Every structure is written in structure tokens, then in C-alpha cells.
N, C-alpha and C. Protein backbone atom coordinates (compact mmCIF):
# COMPACT_ATOMS: atom_id res chain seq x y z
N MET A 1 9.58 80.12 -28.30
CA MET A 1 9.86 78.72 -28.64
C MET A 1 11.17 78.29 -28.00
N ASP A 2 11.20 77.07 -27.51
CA ASP A 2 12.41 76.53 -26.90
C ASP A 2 13.49 76.40 -27.98
N ASN A 3 14.63 77.10 -27.76
CA ASN A 3 15.71 77.07 -28.75
C ASN A 3 16.25 75.66 -28.97
N ARG A 4 16.24 74.86 -27.88
CA ARG A 4 16.73 73.49 -28.00
C ARG A 4 15.82 72.66 -28.90
N ALA A 5 14.54 72.84 -28.75
CA ALA A 5 13.59 72.10 -29.59
C ALA A 5 13.74 72.51 -31.05
N ASN A 6 13.96 73.81 -31.27
CA ASN A 6 14.13 74.31 -32.64
C ASN A 6 15.39 73.74 -33.28
N ALA A 7 16.47 73.68 -32.50
CA ALA A 7 17.73 73.14 -33.00
C ALA A 7 17.60 71.66 -33.33
N ASN A 8 16.87 70.92 -32.45
CA ASN A 8 16.73 69.48 -32.64
C ASN A 8 15.90 69.14 -33.87
N SER A 9 15.08 70.09 -34.31
CA SER A 9 14.27 69.82 -35.49
C SER A 9 15.10 69.86 -36.78
N HIS A 10 16.29 70.44 -36.71
CA HIS A 10 17.14 70.58 -37.89
C HIS A 10 18.41 69.72 -37.83
N SER A 11 18.79 69.26 -36.67
CA SER A 11 20.02 68.49 -36.53
C SER A 11 19.85 67.40 -35.48
N SER A 12 20.76 66.44 -35.51
CA SER A 12 20.69 65.34 -34.57
C SER A 12 22.07 64.76 -34.38
N ALA A 13 22.32 64.25 -33.18
CA ALA A 13 23.60 63.60 -32.90
C ALA A 13 23.64 62.17 -33.43
N GLN A 14 22.52 61.69 -33.94
CA GLN A 14 22.47 60.33 -34.46
C GLN A 14 23.18 60.22 -35.81
N PRO A 15 24.19 59.35 -35.93
CA PRO A 15 24.84 59.18 -37.23
C PRO A 15 23.86 58.68 -38.28
N ARG A 16 24.07 59.10 -39.52
CA ARG A 16 23.22 58.68 -40.63
C ARG A 16 24.00 57.66 -41.48
N PHE A 17 23.59 56.42 -41.38
CA PHE A 17 24.31 55.34 -42.02
C PHE A 17 23.74 55.01 -43.41
N HIS A 18 24.51 54.23 -44.18
CA HIS A 18 24.07 53.65 -45.46
C HIS A 18 23.61 54.70 -46.46
N GLN A 19 24.29 55.83 -46.50
CA GLN A 19 23.89 56.89 -47.41
C GLN A 19 24.42 56.62 -48.82
N ARG A 20 23.60 56.92 -49.80
CA ARG A 20 23.97 56.82 -51.21
C ARG A 20 23.42 58.03 -51.95
N ALA A 21 24.10 58.43 -53.00
CA ALA A 21 23.62 59.52 -53.85
C ALA A 21 24.31 59.42 -55.19
N GLY A 22 23.88 60.22 -56.14
CA GLY A 22 24.51 60.22 -57.44
C GLY A 22 25.93 60.76 -57.39
N GLU A 23 26.74 60.39 -58.38
CA GLU A 23 28.12 60.88 -58.46
C GLU A 23 28.11 62.39 -58.71
N ILE A 24 29.08 63.07 -58.12
CA ILE A 24 29.17 64.51 -58.35
C ILE A 24 30.01 64.82 -59.59
N GLN A 25 30.77 63.83 -60.07
CA GLN A 25 31.51 63.98 -61.34
C GLN A 25 31.76 62.60 -61.90
N PHE A 26 31.49 62.41 -63.19
CA PHE A 26 31.69 61.11 -63.82
C PHE A 26 33.14 60.92 -64.21
N TYR A 27 33.58 59.65 -64.14
CA TYR A 27 34.93 59.30 -64.59
C TYR A 27 35.06 59.59 -66.08
N GLY A 28 36.22 60.07 -66.49
CA GLY A 28 36.45 60.38 -67.89
C GLY A 28 36.04 61.79 -68.28
N THR A 29 35.71 62.61 -67.29
CA THR A 29 35.37 64.01 -67.54
C THR A 29 36.34 64.91 -66.79
N VAL A 30 36.34 66.19 -67.16
CA VAL A 30 37.10 67.19 -66.42
C VAL A 30 36.17 68.36 -66.12
N ASN A 31 36.46 69.06 -65.04
CA ASN A 31 35.70 70.27 -64.72
C ASN A 31 35.87 71.27 -65.87
N HIS A 32 34.80 71.94 -66.24
CA HIS A 32 34.81 72.77 -67.44
C HIS A 32 35.65 74.03 -67.28
N ALA A 33 35.47 74.74 -66.19
CA ALA A 33 36.09 76.05 -66.06
C ALA A 33 37.13 76.04 -64.94
N LEU A 34 38.37 75.88 -65.32
CA LEU A 34 39.47 75.97 -64.36
C LEU A 34 40.48 76.98 -64.91
N PRO A 35 40.97 77.89 -64.07
CA PRO A 35 41.90 78.94 -64.54
C PRO A 35 43.32 78.42 -64.70
N LEU A 36 43.52 77.45 -65.59
CA LEU A 36 44.82 76.80 -65.76
C LEU A 36 45.48 77.16 -67.08
N GLU A 37 44.79 77.91 -67.93
CA GLU A 37 45.31 78.21 -69.28
C GLU A 37 45.55 76.95 -70.09
N LEU A 38 44.74 75.92 -69.83
CA LEU A 38 44.77 74.68 -70.61
C LEU A 38 43.34 74.37 -71.05
N GLU A 39 43.15 74.23 -72.34
CA GLU A 39 41.81 73.98 -72.86
C GLU A 39 41.30 72.61 -72.42
N GLU A 40 39.99 72.48 -72.39
CA GLU A 40 39.37 71.24 -71.94
C GLU A 40 39.84 70.01 -72.72
N PRO A 41 39.95 70.05 -74.05
CA PRO A 41 40.43 68.86 -74.77
C PRO A 41 41.83 68.43 -74.35
N VAL A 42 42.68 69.39 -74.03
CA VAL A 42 44.03 69.07 -73.56
C VAL A 42 43.96 68.35 -72.23
N ARG A 43 43.15 68.87 -71.33
CA ARG A 43 43.04 68.27 -69.99
C ARG A 43 42.39 66.89 -70.05
N LEU A 44 41.45 66.71 -70.98
CA LEU A 44 40.84 65.39 -71.15
C LEU A 44 41.87 64.37 -71.62
N GLU A 45 42.68 64.75 -72.59
CA GLU A 45 43.70 63.84 -73.10
C GLU A 45 44.74 63.52 -72.04
N MET A 46 45.17 64.53 -71.31
CA MET A 46 46.20 64.32 -70.30
C MET A 46 45.69 63.47 -69.14
N THR A 47 44.47 63.70 -68.70
CA THR A 47 43.94 62.91 -67.59
C THR A 47 43.72 61.45 -68.00
N GLU A 48 43.37 61.22 -69.26
CA GLU A 48 43.22 59.85 -69.73
C GLU A 48 44.57 59.12 -69.70
N GLN A 49 45.61 59.77 -70.21
CA GLN A 49 46.93 59.15 -70.19
C GLN A 49 47.47 59.01 -68.77
N LEU A 50 47.20 59.99 -67.94
CA LEU A 50 47.66 59.92 -66.56
C LEU A 50 46.96 58.81 -65.79
N ASN A 51 45.70 58.55 -66.08
CA ASN A 51 45.00 57.45 -65.41
C ASN A 51 45.57 56.10 -65.81
N GLN A 52 45.99 55.97 -67.08
CA GLN A 52 46.67 54.74 -67.49
C GLN A 52 47.98 54.59 -66.73
N LEU A 53 48.72 55.66 -66.63
CA LEU A 53 49.97 55.65 -65.88
C LEU A 53 49.72 55.34 -64.41
N LEU A 54 48.65 55.89 -63.87
CA LEU A 54 48.30 55.65 -62.47
C LEU A 54 48.00 54.17 -62.23
N ALA A 55 47.20 53.56 -63.12
CA ALA A 55 46.86 52.15 -62.96
C ALA A 55 48.11 51.28 -63.00
N ASP A 56 49.02 51.59 -63.91
CA ASP A 56 50.24 50.79 -64.02
C ASP A 56 51.17 51.02 -62.83
N THR A 57 51.21 52.25 -62.33
CA THR A 57 52.06 52.55 -61.17
C THR A 57 51.52 51.87 -59.92
N ILE A 58 50.21 51.85 -59.74
CA ILE A 58 49.62 51.13 -58.61
C ILE A 58 49.95 49.65 -58.71
N SER A 59 49.86 49.09 -59.91
CA SER A 59 50.17 47.67 -60.10
C SER A 59 51.63 47.37 -59.78
N LEU A 60 52.54 48.24 -60.22
CA LEU A 60 53.96 48.07 -59.91
C LEU A 60 54.20 48.20 -58.42
N ARG A 61 53.59 49.19 -57.82
CA ARG A 61 53.72 49.36 -56.36
C ARG A 61 53.32 48.09 -55.63
N ASP A 62 52.17 47.52 -55.99
CA ASP A 62 51.69 46.32 -55.31
C ASP A 62 52.56 45.10 -55.63
N LEU A 63 53.13 45.06 -56.83
CA LEU A 63 54.05 43.98 -57.18
C LEU A 63 55.30 44.03 -56.30
N TYR A 64 55.73 45.24 -55.98
CA TYR A 64 56.87 45.38 -55.05
C TYR A 64 56.51 44.85 -53.66
N LYS A 65 55.30 45.13 -53.19
CA LYS A 65 54.92 44.65 -51.86
C LYS A 65 54.79 43.13 -51.85
N LYS A 66 54.25 42.57 -52.92
CA LYS A 66 54.18 41.10 -53.03
C LYS A 66 55.59 40.51 -52.99
N SER A 67 56.51 41.10 -53.74
CA SER A 67 57.89 40.62 -53.76
C SER A 67 58.54 40.77 -52.39
N HIS A 68 58.26 41.87 -51.72
CA HIS A 68 58.80 42.13 -50.38
C HIS A 68 58.36 41.04 -49.40
N TRP A 69 57.10 40.65 -49.46
CA TRP A 69 56.58 39.63 -48.56
C TRP A 69 57.07 38.22 -48.91
N GLN A 70 57.27 37.93 -50.18
CA GLN A 70 57.45 36.55 -50.61
C GLN A 70 58.88 36.20 -51.04
N VAL A 71 59.81 37.17 -51.01
CA VAL A 71 61.18 36.89 -51.44
C VAL A 71 61.82 35.82 -50.55
N ALA A 72 62.73 35.03 -51.14
CA ALA A 72 63.42 33.97 -50.39
C ALA A 72 64.84 33.82 -50.93
N GLY A 73 65.68 33.14 -50.16
CA GLY A 73 67.03 32.84 -50.63
C GLY A 73 68.12 33.62 -49.93
N PRO A 74 69.37 33.43 -50.38
CA PRO A 74 70.52 34.04 -49.71
C PRO A 74 70.48 35.57 -49.69
N THR A 75 69.81 36.18 -50.67
CA THR A 75 69.74 37.65 -50.71
C THR A 75 68.44 38.17 -50.10
N PHE A 76 67.80 37.32 -49.28
CA PHE A 76 66.50 37.71 -48.71
C PHE A 76 66.56 39.07 -48.02
N TYR A 77 67.52 39.26 -47.13
CA TYR A 77 67.54 40.49 -46.32
C TYR A 77 67.69 41.73 -47.18
N GLN A 78 68.66 41.70 -48.10
CA GLN A 78 68.91 42.86 -48.95
C GLN A 78 67.70 43.18 -49.83
N LEU A 79 67.13 42.16 -50.47
CA LEU A 79 66.01 42.40 -51.37
C LEU A 79 64.74 42.72 -50.60
N HIS A 80 64.57 42.12 -49.45
CA HIS A 80 63.40 42.43 -48.60
C HIS A 80 63.37 43.94 -48.31
N LEU A 81 64.51 44.52 -47.98
CA LEU A 81 64.59 45.95 -47.70
C LEU A 81 64.48 46.78 -48.98
N LEU A 82 65.15 46.33 -50.05
CA LEU A 82 65.12 47.09 -51.30
C LEU A 82 63.70 47.14 -51.87
N PHE A 83 63.02 46.01 -51.88
CA PHE A 83 61.66 45.99 -52.41
C PHE A 83 60.75 46.93 -51.63
N ASP A 84 60.91 46.97 -50.33
CA ASP A 84 60.04 47.85 -49.53
C ASP A 84 60.38 49.32 -49.76
N LYS A 85 61.66 49.62 -49.96
CA LYS A 85 62.06 51.00 -50.28
C LYS A 85 61.45 51.43 -51.60
N HIS A 86 61.54 50.59 -52.60
CA HIS A 86 60.96 50.91 -53.90
C HIS A 86 59.44 51.01 -53.82
N TYR A 87 58.83 50.17 -52.99
CA TYR A 87 57.38 50.24 -52.78
C TYR A 87 57.00 51.63 -52.24
N SER A 88 57.74 52.12 -51.26
CA SER A 88 57.43 53.43 -50.68
C SER A 88 57.59 54.54 -51.72
N GLU A 89 58.61 54.44 -52.56
CA GLU A 89 58.83 55.45 -53.59
C GLU A 89 57.73 55.41 -54.65
N GLN A 90 57.28 54.22 -55.00
CA GLN A 90 56.17 54.11 -55.95
C GLN A 90 54.87 54.63 -55.34
N SER A 91 54.70 54.44 -54.04
CA SER A 91 53.51 54.97 -53.36
C SER A 91 53.46 56.49 -53.45
N GLU A 92 54.60 57.12 -53.34
CA GLU A 92 54.66 58.58 -53.49
C GLU A 92 54.29 58.99 -54.91
N LEU A 93 54.73 58.21 -55.90
CA LEU A 93 54.38 58.51 -57.28
C LEU A 93 52.87 58.35 -57.51
N VAL A 94 52.28 57.35 -56.89
CA VAL A 94 50.83 57.15 -57.01
C VAL A 94 50.09 58.40 -56.57
N ASP A 95 50.48 58.94 -55.44
CA ASP A 95 49.84 60.17 -54.94
C ASP A 95 50.06 61.34 -55.89
N SER A 96 51.28 61.49 -56.36
CA SER A 96 51.60 62.61 -57.25
C SER A 96 50.79 62.54 -58.55
N ILE A 97 50.68 61.34 -59.12
CA ILE A 97 49.93 61.19 -60.37
C ILE A 97 48.45 61.45 -60.15
N ALA A 98 47.89 60.87 -59.08
CA ALA A 98 46.47 61.06 -58.79
C ALA A 98 46.15 62.53 -58.53
N GLU A 99 47.02 63.20 -57.81
CA GLU A 99 46.80 64.61 -57.51
C GLU A 99 46.92 65.47 -58.76
N ARG A 100 47.79 65.07 -59.71
CA ARG A 100 47.89 65.81 -60.97
C ARG A 100 46.59 65.67 -61.77
N ILE A 101 46.02 64.48 -61.77
CA ILE A 101 44.74 64.27 -62.45
C ILE A 101 43.67 65.18 -61.85
N ARG A 102 43.62 65.24 -60.54
CA ARG A 102 42.64 66.08 -59.87
C ARG A 102 42.91 67.57 -60.14
N ALA A 103 44.18 67.95 -60.18
CA ALA A 103 44.51 69.36 -60.43
C ALA A 103 44.08 69.78 -61.83
N LEU A 104 44.05 68.82 -62.76
CA LEU A 104 43.60 69.11 -64.12
C LEU A 104 42.08 69.05 -64.25
N GLY A 105 41.41 68.77 -63.14
CA GLY A 105 39.96 68.73 -63.14
C GLY A 105 39.37 67.37 -63.43
N GLY A 106 40.21 66.32 -63.48
CA GLY A 106 39.74 64.99 -63.79
C GLY A 106 39.43 64.16 -62.56
N VAL A 107 39.06 62.91 -62.81
CA VAL A 107 38.75 61.95 -61.75
C VAL A 107 39.77 60.83 -61.83
N SER A 108 40.47 60.57 -60.74
CA SER A 108 41.53 59.56 -60.74
C SER A 108 40.98 58.18 -60.38
N LEU A 109 41.54 57.15 -61.01
CA LEU A 109 41.24 55.78 -60.60
C LEU A 109 41.66 55.58 -59.16
N ALA A 110 40.96 54.67 -58.46
CA ALA A 110 41.31 54.46 -57.06
C ALA A 110 41.15 53.01 -56.60
N MET A 111 40.14 52.32 -57.09
CA MET A 111 39.82 51.01 -56.55
C MET A 111 40.56 49.90 -57.29
N ALA A 112 40.86 48.83 -56.55
CA ALA A 112 41.65 47.72 -57.10
C ALA A 112 41.01 47.11 -58.34
N ALA A 113 39.69 46.94 -58.33
CA ALA A 113 39.01 46.33 -59.48
C ALA A 113 39.19 47.18 -60.73
N ASP A 114 39.11 48.50 -60.58
CA ASP A 114 39.28 49.40 -61.73
C ASP A 114 40.72 49.37 -62.22
N VAL A 115 41.66 49.31 -61.29
CA VAL A 115 43.07 49.23 -61.66
C VAL A 115 43.34 47.94 -62.42
N ALA A 116 42.80 46.82 -61.93
CA ALA A 116 43.01 45.53 -62.58
C ALA A 116 42.47 45.51 -64.00
N GLU A 117 41.36 46.21 -64.24
CA GLU A 117 40.78 46.26 -65.58
C GLU A 117 41.58 47.14 -66.53
N THR A 118 42.39 48.05 -65.97
CA THR A 118 43.04 49.08 -66.78
C THR A 118 44.52 48.81 -67.02
N THR A 119 45.20 48.24 -66.04
CA THR A 119 46.66 48.13 -66.12
C THR A 119 47.12 47.25 -67.29
N ARG A 120 48.29 47.58 -67.82
CA ARG A 120 48.91 46.80 -68.89
C ARG A 120 50.01 45.89 -68.34
N ILE A 121 50.21 45.90 -67.04
CA ILE A 121 51.25 45.09 -66.42
C ILE A 121 50.73 43.67 -66.19
N GLU A 122 51.54 42.69 -66.56
CA GLU A 122 51.15 41.28 -66.45
C GLU A 122 50.88 40.91 -64.99
N ARG A 123 49.80 40.18 -64.80
CA ARG A 123 49.43 39.75 -63.45
C ARG A 123 50.27 38.54 -63.03
N PRO A 124 50.90 38.57 -61.87
CA PRO A 124 51.70 37.43 -61.42
C PRO A 124 50.80 36.38 -60.77
N PRO A 125 51.31 35.16 -60.57
CA PRO A 125 50.53 34.16 -59.83
C PRO A 125 50.43 34.53 -58.36
N ARG A 126 49.51 33.91 -57.68
CA ARG A 126 49.35 34.21 -56.25
C ARG A 126 50.49 33.65 -55.40
N GLY A 127 51.09 32.57 -55.87
CA GLY A 127 52.13 31.92 -55.08
C GLY A 127 53.48 32.62 -55.18
N ARG A 128 54.47 32.02 -54.51
CA ARG A 128 55.82 32.58 -54.46
C ARG A 128 56.61 32.14 -55.68
N GLU A 129 57.51 33.00 -56.14
CA GLU A 129 58.37 32.70 -57.28
C GLU A 129 59.83 32.90 -56.88
N GLU A 130 60.73 32.35 -57.70
CA GLU A 130 62.16 32.50 -57.44
C GLU A 130 62.58 33.96 -57.63
N VAL A 131 63.67 34.32 -56.97
CA VAL A 131 64.17 35.69 -57.02
C VAL A 131 64.40 36.19 -58.45
N PRO A 132 65.07 35.42 -59.34
CA PRO A 132 65.27 35.93 -60.70
C PRO A 132 63.95 36.24 -61.42
N VAL A 133 62.92 35.46 -61.14
CA VAL A 133 61.62 35.70 -61.76
C VAL A 133 60.98 36.96 -61.17
N GLN A 134 61.08 37.11 -59.85
CA GLN A 134 60.56 38.33 -59.22
C GLN A 134 61.22 39.57 -59.82
N LEU A 135 62.54 39.53 -59.93
CA LEU A 135 63.28 40.67 -60.47
C LEU A 135 62.89 40.94 -61.91
N SER A 136 62.75 39.88 -62.69
CA SER A 136 62.39 40.05 -64.10
C SER A 136 60.99 40.64 -64.25
N ARG A 137 60.07 40.17 -63.44
CA ARG A 137 58.71 40.73 -63.48
C ARG A 137 58.73 42.23 -63.16
N LEU A 138 59.47 42.61 -62.16
CA LEU A 138 59.54 44.01 -61.77
C LEU A 138 60.17 44.86 -62.88
N ILE A 139 61.24 44.34 -63.49
CA ILE A 139 61.89 45.09 -64.58
C ILE A 139 60.95 45.22 -65.77
N ASP A 140 60.23 44.15 -66.10
CA ASP A 140 59.26 44.22 -67.20
C ASP A 140 58.19 45.27 -66.91
N ALA A 141 57.73 45.33 -65.66
CA ALA A 141 56.72 46.32 -65.28
C ALA A 141 57.28 47.74 -65.41
N HIS A 142 58.51 47.92 -64.97
CA HIS A 142 59.16 49.23 -65.13
C HIS A 142 59.24 49.62 -66.60
N GLN A 143 59.54 48.65 -67.46
CA GLN A 143 59.66 48.94 -68.88
C GLN A 143 58.34 49.43 -69.46
N VAL A 144 57.24 48.84 -69.03
CA VAL A 144 55.92 49.30 -69.46
C VAL A 144 55.72 50.76 -69.11
N ILE A 145 56.07 51.11 -67.88
CA ILE A 145 55.86 52.48 -67.41
C ILE A 145 56.82 53.45 -68.08
N ILE A 146 58.08 53.06 -68.21
CA ILE A 146 59.07 53.95 -68.82
C ILE A 146 58.69 54.26 -70.27
N ARG A 147 58.28 53.24 -71.00
CA ARG A 147 57.86 53.45 -72.40
C ARG A 147 56.66 54.41 -72.46
N GLN A 148 55.71 54.18 -71.58
CA GLN A 148 54.50 54.99 -71.57
C GLN A 148 54.77 56.44 -71.15
N VAL A 149 55.61 56.61 -70.13
CA VAL A 149 55.81 57.95 -69.58
C VAL A 149 56.64 58.82 -70.53
N ARG A 150 57.49 58.20 -71.34
CA ARG A 150 58.22 58.98 -72.35
C ARG A 150 57.25 59.55 -73.38
N ILE A 151 56.29 58.72 -73.80
CA ILE A 151 55.27 59.19 -74.75
C ILE A 151 54.44 60.30 -74.12
N LEU A 152 54.05 60.11 -72.87
CA LEU A 152 53.26 61.12 -72.16
C LEU A 152 54.01 62.43 -72.04
N ALA A 153 55.29 62.37 -71.69
CA ALA A 153 56.09 63.59 -71.51
C ALA A 153 56.19 64.38 -72.81
N ARG A 154 56.45 63.67 -73.91
CA ARG A 154 56.55 64.36 -75.20
C ARG A 154 55.21 64.99 -75.61
N ARG A 155 54.13 64.26 -75.40
CA ARG A 155 52.81 64.78 -75.76
C ARG A 155 52.43 65.97 -74.89
N ALA A 156 52.72 65.90 -73.60
CA ALA A 156 52.43 67.01 -72.70
C ALA A 156 53.19 68.26 -73.12
N ALA A 157 54.44 68.09 -73.54
CA ALA A 157 55.24 69.23 -74.00
C ALA A 157 54.62 69.84 -75.26
N GLN A 158 54.16 68.98 -76.18
CA GLN A 158 53.53 69.47 -77.41
C GLN A 158 52.28 70.29 -77.12
N LEU A 159 51.52 69.87 -76.10
CA LEU A 159 50.25 70.52 -75.78
C LEU A 159 50.41 71.69 -74.81
N GLY A 160 51.63 71.94 -74.36
CA GLY A 160 51.86 73.05 -73.45
C GLY A 160 51.51 72.76 -72.01
N ASP A 161 51.35 71.47 -71.67
CA ASP A 161 51.04 71.10 -70.28
C ASP A 161 52.36 70.86 -69.55
N ASP A 162 52.96 71.96 -69.13
CA ASP A 162 54.29 71.88 -68.51
C ASP A 162 54.26 71.14 -67.18
N GLY A 163 53.17 71.26 -66.45
CA GLY A 163 53.07 70.59 -65.15
C GLY A 163 53.10 69.08 -65.30
N THR A 164 52.35 68.56 -66.26
CA THR A 164 52.35 67.11 -66.49
C THR A 164 53.69 66.66 -67.04
N ASN A 165 54.29 67.44 -67.92
CA ASN A 165 55.61 67.11 -68.44
C ASN A 165 56.64 67.02 -67.32
N ASP A 166 56.60 67.97 -66.41
CA ASP A 166 57.55 67.99 -65.30
C ASP A 166 57.36 66.78 -64.40
N LEU A 167 56.12 66.45 -64.08
CA LEU A 167 55.83 65.26 -63.27
C LEU A 167 56.34 64.01 -63.96
N ALA A 168 56.06 63.90 -65.26
CA ALA A 168 56.44 62.70 -66.00
C ALA A 168 57.96 62.50 -66.01
N VAL A 169 58.70 63.57 -66.25
CA VAL A 169 60.15 63.45 -66.38
C VAL A 169 60.85 63.48 -65.03
N SER A 170 60.58 64.50 -64.24
CA SER A 170 61.33 64.72 -63.00
C SER A 170 61.03 63.69 -61.93
N GLU A 171 59.80 63.20 -61.88
CA GLU A 171 59.42 62.26 -60.83
C GLU A 171 59.28 60.83 -61.35
N VAL A 172 58.36 60.62 -62.27
CA VAL A 172 58.04 59.24 -62.67
C VAL A 172 59.18 58.60 -63.45
N LEU A 173 59.66 59.26 -64.48
CA LEU A 173 60.70 58.66 -65.32
C LEU A 173 61.98 58.43 -64.55
N ARG A 174 62.44 59.44 -63.85
CA ARG A 174 63.72 59.30 -63.16
C ARG A 174 63.66 58.26 -62.05
N THR A 175 62.55 58.18 -61.33
CA THR A 175 62.41 57.17 -60.28
C THR A 175 62.42 55.77 -60.87
N ASN A 176 61.69 55.59 -61.96
CA ASN A 176 61.62 54.25 -62.57
C ASN A 176 62.94 53.85 -63.21
N GLU A 177 63.64 54.80 -63.82
CA GLU A 177 64.96 54.49 -64.37
C GLU A 177 65.93 54.05 -63.28
N LEU A 178 65.93 54.77 -62.16
CA LEU A 178 66.84 54.45 -61.07
C LEU A 178 66.51 53.09 -60.46
N GLN A 179 65.25 52.81 -60.25
CA GLN A 179 64.85 51.53 -59.67
C GLN A 179 65.19 50.37 -60.61
N THR A 180 65.03 50.59 -61.91
CA THR A 180 65.39 49.56 -62.89
C THR A 180 66.87 49.24 -62.82
N TRP A 181 67.68 50.25 -62.66
CA TRP A 181 69.12 50.04 -62.53
C TRP A 181 69.43 49.18 -61.30
N PHE A 182 68.84 49.51 -60.17
CA PHE A 182 69.08 48.75 -58.95
C PHE A 182 68.68 47.29 -59.12
N LEU A 183 67.56 47.03 -59.75
CA LEU A 183 67.11 45.66 -59.95
C LEU A 183 68.02 44.91 -60.92
N SER A 184 68.38 45.58 -62.02
CA SER A 184 69.18 44.93 -63.06
C SER A 184 70.52 44.44 -62.54
N GLU A 185 71.13 45.18 -61.64
CA GLU A 185 72.45 44.79 -61.12
C GLU A 185 72.37 43.50 -60.31
N HIS A 186 71.18 43.16 -59.81
CA HIS A 186 71.02 41.91 -59.07
C HIS A 186 70.96 40.70 -60.01
N LEU A 187 70.83 40.93 -61.30
CA LEU A 187 70.75 39.83 -62.26
C LEU A 187 72.07 39.59 -62.99
N VAL A 188 73.13 40.30 -62.60
CA VAL A 188 74.45 40.09 -63.19
C VAL A 188 75.07 38.84 -62.57
N ASN A 189 75.47 37.90 -63.40
CA ASN A 189 75.99 36.62 -62.93
C ASN A 189 77.49 36.72 -62.71
N VAL A 190 77.87 37.14 -61.52
CA VAL A 190 79.29 37.23 -61.16
C VAL A 190 79.54 36.39 -59.91
N PRO A 191 80.76 35.89 -59.73
CA PRO A 191 81.08 35.09 -58.53
C PRO A 191 80.90 35.92 -57.27
N LEU A 192 80.44 35.26 -56.22
CA LEU A 192 80.18 35.98 -54.98
C LEU A 192 81.40 36.03 -54.06
N VAL A 193 82.18 34.97 -54.05
CA VAL A 193 83.30 34.88 -53.11
C VAL A 193 84.65 34.85 -53.82
N LYS A 194 84.79 34.03 -54.85
CA LYS A 194 86.08 33.86 -55.53
C LYS A 194 85.92 34.19 -57.00
N ALA A 195 86.78 35.07 -57.52
CA ALA A 195 86.74 35.43 -58.93
C ALA A 195 87.20 34.27 -59.78
N GLU A 196 86.62 34.13 -60.94
CA GLU A 196 87.01 33.05 -61.86
C GLU A 196 88.25 33.48 -62.64
N GLU A 197 89.29 32.68 -62.56
CA GLU A 197 90.52 33.00 -63.29
C GLU A 197 90.36 32.59 -64.74
N PRO A 198 90.85 33.40 -65.68
CA PRO A 198 90.73 33.04 -67.10
C PRO A 198 91.59 31.82 -67.42
N ALA A 199 91.10 31.02 -68.34
CA ALA A 199 91.86 29.83 -68.75
C ALA A 199 93.15 30.25 -69.43
N VAL A 200 94.17 29.39 -69.38
CA VAL A 200 95.47 29.69 -69.96
C VAL A 200 95.31 29.92 -71.47
N GLY A 201 95.90 31.00 -71.95
CA GLY A 201 95.86 31.32 -73.37
C GLY A 201 94.64 32.08 -73.80
N THR A 202 93.78 32.47 -72.84
CA THR A 202 92.58 33.23 -73.21
C THR A 202 92.60 34.63 -72.62
N GLY A 203 93.79 35.09 -72.26
CA GLY A 203 93.89 36.43 -71.70
C GLY A 203 93.57 37.48 -72.71
N ALA A 204 93.37 38.68 -72.22
CA ALA A 204 93.04 39.80 -73.12
C ALA A 204 94.23 40.13 -74.00
N ALA A 205 93.95 40.48 -75.26
CA ALA A 205 95.03 40.80 -76.19
C ALA A 205 95.65 42.13 -75.84
């Protein structure tokens, strides 16, 4: 038999388009047998909380990119760069959280529609907003994540999930705390060029 004819009966260089099949793992489940020394109920609880954190982190990341594109005013250059820096750092957190979910045997959220249905972060308007509003929205979003990740870290420690606890504290919490500090300092109302002199008789005692 011609070897070429035999090979062609089993394979082809023609791409196979429009393929569909059933899911290989459903969302909200974890692989049953993983050598992690973490019981399935623990991994189910952790992946559920991590997916909530993932949805909110993706929303915050995208809010930074929106702010980066739409910022205006005298501080445009500084904030344009700062917002993009924070966007990149949040993007790294997105990967870390999603990979932790997968390492625990779960399925991570990925698509924008699913994120929009899940996130607890307030949706901004499509149009441009003033800088103080942009900053306030970002700080509010950080607060949602910081509150949530503290709860997650404590629960992970209780359940013996040291890997999730480490991710929550060392990466997510510390990054969000630092970014919140940077944003908050932009909302301090101090003179830019000339300091305001205290009125006569109102000096410090």
C-alpha cells in the first residue's frame, strides 16, 4: 500500500474550522484529585472567592486604562503615565489570581460579559469625567478589593491554604494599598506655586 495514501486517510493539511464540543470542565467545579494536601471543599471555597477577586481586579484594571485614555487637565502627563503604570501592575495581578484558581483545580473567569455580571465595582459612564472623579472612582474600586482581600486572606489562613494567603497579602493587598496611597495624594488640596500664609493671630500655639 502507498504510505502516502495511508497517511492521507488519517490526516490532512486542511484546517478544520468552526469546531465545537462540550466543556471539559464546568465553571464552579474543581478537579477532584490533586496532590495539594487541600481537600476539595477548601479548594471550592477558595476558587469561588478568588473568582470574585479576579472579576473585581479585571474591572479595576480596565478602569485604569479608561482613565489613562480619557484624563485631562494640568496634571494630564503625570496621571496619564501613573494610570498606565497601575494598569500594568493590575494586569500582573489578574494573571496571578487566574493562575492560582487554575492551580487549585478551578476554572477562572475570563470573558468581559462574565466579569460584568460578577464584579462589585461600580460601572462608570462611557464618557470622560473630571480628574477628581476619576481618582475617586479608582480609590473606591481599590477599597472594594482591599476589603475583600483581607477577608480572603484570613479565611485562607484558617483553612490552611497558605498559597492563597500569600498571594492575597504579598501581591494583591500590598499592591492595592500602595496604589491607593499614590492616588490619594493627588486629592490633597494644597497650593501649587505659592504657600498660603496664615492670617494674623491664627498662628500655632
